[in-house]
Structure formats: structure tokens, C-alpha cells
Amino acid sequence: MTGTKIPFDPETAPCGKKFGGERLVDDDGYGLVIRDQFFECGCRRIRHEYHDGSIHLSAIRHDGKRVKDPIQPDHGK
């Protein structure tokens, strides 16, 4: 698996402010899909889809605190 980093335009980060950053997309071709967003402020949004179809979503603010993040549509980017 080799990930692809794609820059993205400013959008609302888990801290509530708008920042751009990089999106990491990784896929093993067998069902494991990793889509992580790394915002310039240090926040992170994580979406991992596993081989069994389960999905793990989480959001972490730049200060390290986990937050309840509204479910974002999956644009497949």
C-alpha cells in the first residue's frame, strides 16, 4: 500500500475554524481504505474502512482533544 497525499482547500476543521491541509488516501485493493485529513492548524479527521465493511470515524483537535465531529459526506477524494 502506498498512500497519496492530496492538498485540499480550507474547510471547517474539528476545532471549528477553516483551514486547508492535506488528505491522505490509501487503499489496499481488498477493502481496506484509509482517508485521513491533516489540517494546517494541527487538527485531524480520520476515516478508516476495514475489510469486513466496518468504518471507524474520529476527529482530533490540534490540542489533542477528541471531538464529536458531524459525519461528513464521503467524496471519495
N, C-alpha and C. Protein backbone atom coordinates (compact mmCIF):
# COMPACT_ATOMS: atom_id res chain seq x y z
N MET A 1 0.83 -1.18 0.00
CA MET A 1 0.00 0.00 0.00
C MET A 1 0.88 1.24 0.00
N THR A 2 0.59 2.12 -0.88
CA THR A 2 1.26 3.41 -0.89
C THR A 2 0.20 4.49 -0.91
N GLY A 3 0.29 5.40 0.02
CA GLY A 3 -0.69 6.46 0.13
C GLY A 3 -0.42 7.61 -0.81
N THR A 4 -1.47 8.33 -1.10
CA THR A 4 -1.38 9.51 -1.93
C THR A 4 -1.80 10.71 -1.10
N LYS A 5 -0.97 11.75 -1.08
CA LYS A 5 -1.32 12.98 -0.37
C LYS A 5 -1.85 13.99 -1.37
N ILE A 6 -3.03 14.54 -1.04
CA ILE A 6 -3.69 15.49 -1.93
C ILE A 6 -4.01 16.74 -1.12
N PRO A 7 -3.57 17.91 -1.55
CA PRO A 7 -3.91 19.13 -0.82
C PRO A 7 -5.41 19.43 -0.96
N PHE A 8 -6.00 20.05 0.08
CA PHE A 8 -7.40 20.44 -0.02
C PHE A 8 -7.56 21.89 0.42
N ASP A 9 -8.58 22.54 -0.14
CA ASP A 9 -8.89 23.93 0.16
C ASP A 9 -9.46 24.05 1.57
N PRO A 10 -9.42 25.25 2.15
CA PRO A 10 -9.94 25.43 3.51
C PRO A 10 -11.37 24.92 3.68
N GLU A 11 -11.55 24.20 4.77
CA GLU A 11 -12.86 23.73 5.20
C GLU A 11 -12.84 23.70 6.72
N THR A 12 -13.99 23.50 7.33
CA THR A 12 -14.08 23.56 8.78
C THR A 12 -13.36 22.38 9.41
N ALA A 13 -12.36 22.68 10.22
CA ALA A 13 -11.58 21.67 10.94
C ALA A 13 -12.33 21.28 12.23
N PRO A 14 -11.93 20.21 12.89
CA PRO A 14 -12.57 19.82 14.14
C PRO A 14 -12.56 20.90 15.22
N CYS A 15 -11.65 21.87 15.13
CA CYS A 15 -11.61 22.94 16.12
C CYS A 15 -12.65 24.03 15.83
N GLY A 16 -13.30 23.95 14.66
CA GLY A 16 -14.33 24.90 14.30
C GLY A 16 -13.88 26.02 13.39
N LYS A 17 -12.59 26.12 13.12
CA LYS A 17 -12.07 27.17 12.24
C LYS A 17 -11.77 26.57 10.86
N LYS A 18 -11.68 27.42 9.86
CA LYS A 18 -11.42 26.95 8.50
C LYS A 18 -9.92 26.95 8.20
N PHE A 19 -9.45 25.79 7.75
CA PHE A 19 -8.05 25.61 7.38
C PHE A 19 -7.97 24.66 6.19
N GLY A 20 -6.94 24.80 5.41
CA GLY A 20 -6.62 23.85 4.36
C GLY A 20 -5.72 22.78 4.94
N GLY A 21 -5.19 21.93 4.09
CA GLY A 21 -4.28 20.90 4.56
C GLY A 21 -4.06 19.85 3.51
N GLU A 22 -3.76 18.63 3.98
CA GLU A 22 -3.52 17.51 3.08
C GLU A 22 -4.43 16.34 3.45
N ARG A 23 -4.88 15.66 2.43
CA ARG A 23 -5.70 14.47 2.60
C ARG A 23 -4.84 13.28 2.19
N LEU A 24 -4.75 12.29 3.06
CA LEU A 24 -4.02 11.05 2.76
C LEU A 24 -5.05 10.00 2.37
N VAL A 25 -4.88 9.41 1.20
CA VAL A 25 -5.78 8.36 0.72
C VAL A 25 -4.93 7.13 0.46
N ASP A 26 -5.35 6.00 1.03
CA ASP A 26 -4.62 4.75 0.89
C ASP A 26 -5.62 3.62 0.74
N ASP A 27 -5.37 2.68 -0.15
CA ASP A 27 -6.30 1.60 -0.45
C ASP A 27 -5.47 0.35 -0.78
N ASP A 28 -5.78 -0.77 -0.13
CA ASP A 28 -5.01 -1.98 -0.42
C ASP A 28 -5.62 -2.82 -1.54
N GLY A 29 -6.76 -2.39 -2.09
CA GLY A 29 -7.39 -3.13 -3.17
C GLY A 29 -8.24 -4.30 -2.72
N TYR A 30 -8.27 -4.56 -1.41
CA TYR A 30 -9.03 -5.68 -0.87
C TYR A 30 -10.09 -5.23 0.12
N GLY A 31 -10.35 -3.94 0.20
CA GLY A 31 -11.39 -3.45 1.10
C GLY A 31 -10.92 -2.50 2.17
N LEU A 32 -9.63 -2.46 2.44
CA LEU A 32 -9.10 -1.52 3.43
C LEU A 32 -8.87 -0.17 2.76
N VAL A 33 -9.57 0.85 3.26
CA VAL A 33 -9.44 2.20 2.71
C VAL A 33 -9.18 3.16 3.86
N ILE A 34 -8.12 3.94 3.75
CA ILE A 34 -7.76 4.92 4.77
C ILE A 34 -7.86 6.29 4.15
N ARG A 35 -8.65 7.17 4.79
CA ARG A 35 -8.78 8.56 4.35
C ARG A 35 -8.60 9.43 5.57
N ASP A 36 -7.45 10.04 5.68
CA ASP A 36 -7.15 10.92 6.81
C ASP A 36 -6.96 12.34 6.29
N GLN A 37 -7.44 13.31 7.05
CA GLN A 37 -7.23 14.72 6.71
C GLN A 37 -6.34 15.32 7.79
N PHE A 38 -5.29 15.99 7.35
CA PHE A 38 -4.37 16.68 8.25
C PHE A 38 -4.51 18.18 7.97
N PHE A 39 -5.09 18.93 8.90
CA PHE A 39 -5.30 20.36 8.72
C PHE A 39 -4.07 21.14 9.12
N GLU A 40 -3.89 22.32 8.52
CA GLU A 40 -2.73 23.18 8.81
C GLU A 40 -2.65 23.57 10.28
N CYS A 41 -3.79 23.62 10.98
CA CYS A 41 -3.80 24.01 12.39
C CYS A 41 -3.34 22.88 13.31
N GLY A 42 -3.26 21.65 12.77
CA GLY A 42 -2.85 20.50 13.56
C GLY A 42 -4.00 19.55 13.86
N CYS A 43 -5.23 19.93 13.52
CA CYS A 43 -6.37 19.04 13.69
C CYS A 43 -6.27 17.87 12.72
N ARG A 44 -7.02 16.81 13.02
CA ARG A 44 -7.00 15.63 12.16
C ARG A 44 -8.39 15.00 12.14
N ARG A 45 -8.82 14.57 10.96
CA ARG A 45 -10.07 13.84 10.81
C ARG A 45 -9.69 12.49 10.21
N ILE A 46 -10.21 11.41 10.80
CA ILE A 46 -9.80 10.05 10.43
C ILE A 46 -11.02 9.25 9.97
N ARG A 47 -10.88 8.57 8.84
CA ARG A 47 -11.91 7.65 8.35
C ARG A 47 -11.19 6.40 7.84
N HIS A 48 -11.42 5.28 8.52
CA HIS A 48 -10.82 4.01 8.12
C HIS A 48 -11.94 3.02 7.83
N GLU A 49 -11.93 2.45 6.65
CA GLU A 49 -12.90 1.42 6.26
C GLU A 49 -12.14 0.10 6.20
N TYR A 50 -12.66 -0.91 6.90
CA TYR A 50 -11.96 -2.17 7.03
C TYR A 50 -12.53 -3.24 6.10
N HIS A 51 -11.80 -4.34 5.96
CA HIS A 51 -12.16 -5.43 5.06
C HIS A 51 -13.55 -6.00 5.36
N ASP A 52 -13.97 -5.98 6.61
CA ASP A 52 -15.28 -6.54 6.97
C ASP A 52 -16.42 -5.55 6.76
N GLY A 53 -16.12 -4.36 6.24
CA GLY A 53 -17.14 -3.36 5.97
C GLY A 53 -17.36 -2.37 7.09
N SER A 54 -16.72 -2.59 8.23
CA SER A 54 -16.89 -1.65 9.34
C SER A 54 -16.09 -0.37 9.06
N ILE A 55 -16.55 0.72 9.66
CA ILE A 55 -15.94 2.03 9.46
C ILE A 55 -15.61 2.66 10.81
N HIS A 56 -14.42 3.22 10.93
CA HIS A 56 -14.01 3.93 12.14
C HIS A 56 -13.84 5.40 11.79
N LEU A 57 -14.59 6.27 12.48
CA LEU A 57 -14.51 7.70 12.27
C LEU A 57 -14.08 8.37 13.57
N SER A 58 -13.18 9.32 13.48
CA SER A 58 -12.83 10.11 14.65
C SER A 58 -12.26 11.45 14.21
N ALA A 59 -12.29 12.39 15.14
CA ALA A 59 -11.75 13.72 14.88
C ALA A 59 -10.98 14.17 16.11
N ILE A 60 -9.81 14.76 15.88
CA ILE A 60 -8.94 15.21 16.97
C ILE A 60 -8.56 16.66 16.72
N ARG A 61 -8.79 17.49 17.72
CA ARG A 61 -8.41 18.90 17.60
C ARG A 61 -6.91 19.04 17.71
N HIS A 62 -6.40 20.22 17.33
CA HIS A 62 -4.96 20.47 17.36
C HIS A 62 -4.39 20.44 18.77
N ASP A 63 -5.24 20.55 19.81
CA ASP A 63 -4.76 20.46 21.19
C ASP A 63 -4.78 19.03 21.73
N GLY A 64 -5.13 18.06 20.84
CA GLY A 64 -5.12 16.65 21.22
C GLY A 64 -6.45 16.12 21.74
N LYS A 65 -7.45 16.98 21.90
CA LYS A 65 -8.74 16.56 22.43
C LYS A 65 -9.59 15.94 21.32
N ARG A 66 -10.16 14.77 21.62
CA ARG A 66 -11.08 14.14 20.68
C ARG A 66 -12.40 14.91 20.72
N VAL A 67 -13.01 15.06 19.56
CA VAL A 67 -14.28 15.76 19.49
C VAL A 67 -15.29 14.94 18.73
N LYS A 68 -16.56 15.22 19.01
CA LYS A 68 -17.63 14.62 18.23
C LYS A 68 -17.75 15.44 16.98
N ASP A 69 -17.44 14.85 15.86
CA ASP A 69 -17.43 15.55 14.60
C ASP A 69 -18.66 15.12 13.81
N PRO A 70 -19.40 16.06 13.25
CA PRO A 70 -20.54 15.64 12.43
C PRO A 70 -20.06 14.78 11.26
N ILE A 71 -20.84 13.79 10.91
CA ILE A 71 -20.46 12.90 9.82
C ILE A 71 -20.41 13.70 8.53
N GLN A 72 -19.28 13.63 7.86
CA GLN A 72 -19.06 14.34 6.61
C GLN A 72 -19.37 13.39 5.45
N PRO A 73 -19.90 13.92 4.35
CA PRO A 73 -20.12 13.06 3.19
C PRO A 73 -18.78 12.52 2.67
N ASP A 74 -18.80 11.33 2.17
CA ASP A 74 -17.58 10.73 1.61
C ASP A 74 -17.52 11.09 0.13
N HIS A 75 -16.62 12.00 -0.21
CA HIS A 75 -16.49 12.44 -1.60
C HIS A 75 -15.55 11.55 -2.39
N GLY A 76 -14.95 10.55 -1.74
CA GLY A 76 -14.06 9.65 -2.45
C GLY A 76 -12.77 10.27 -2.91
N LYS A 77 -12.38 11.38 -2.30
CA LYS A 77 -11.17 12.09 -2.72
C LYS A 77 -9.97 11.54 -2.02
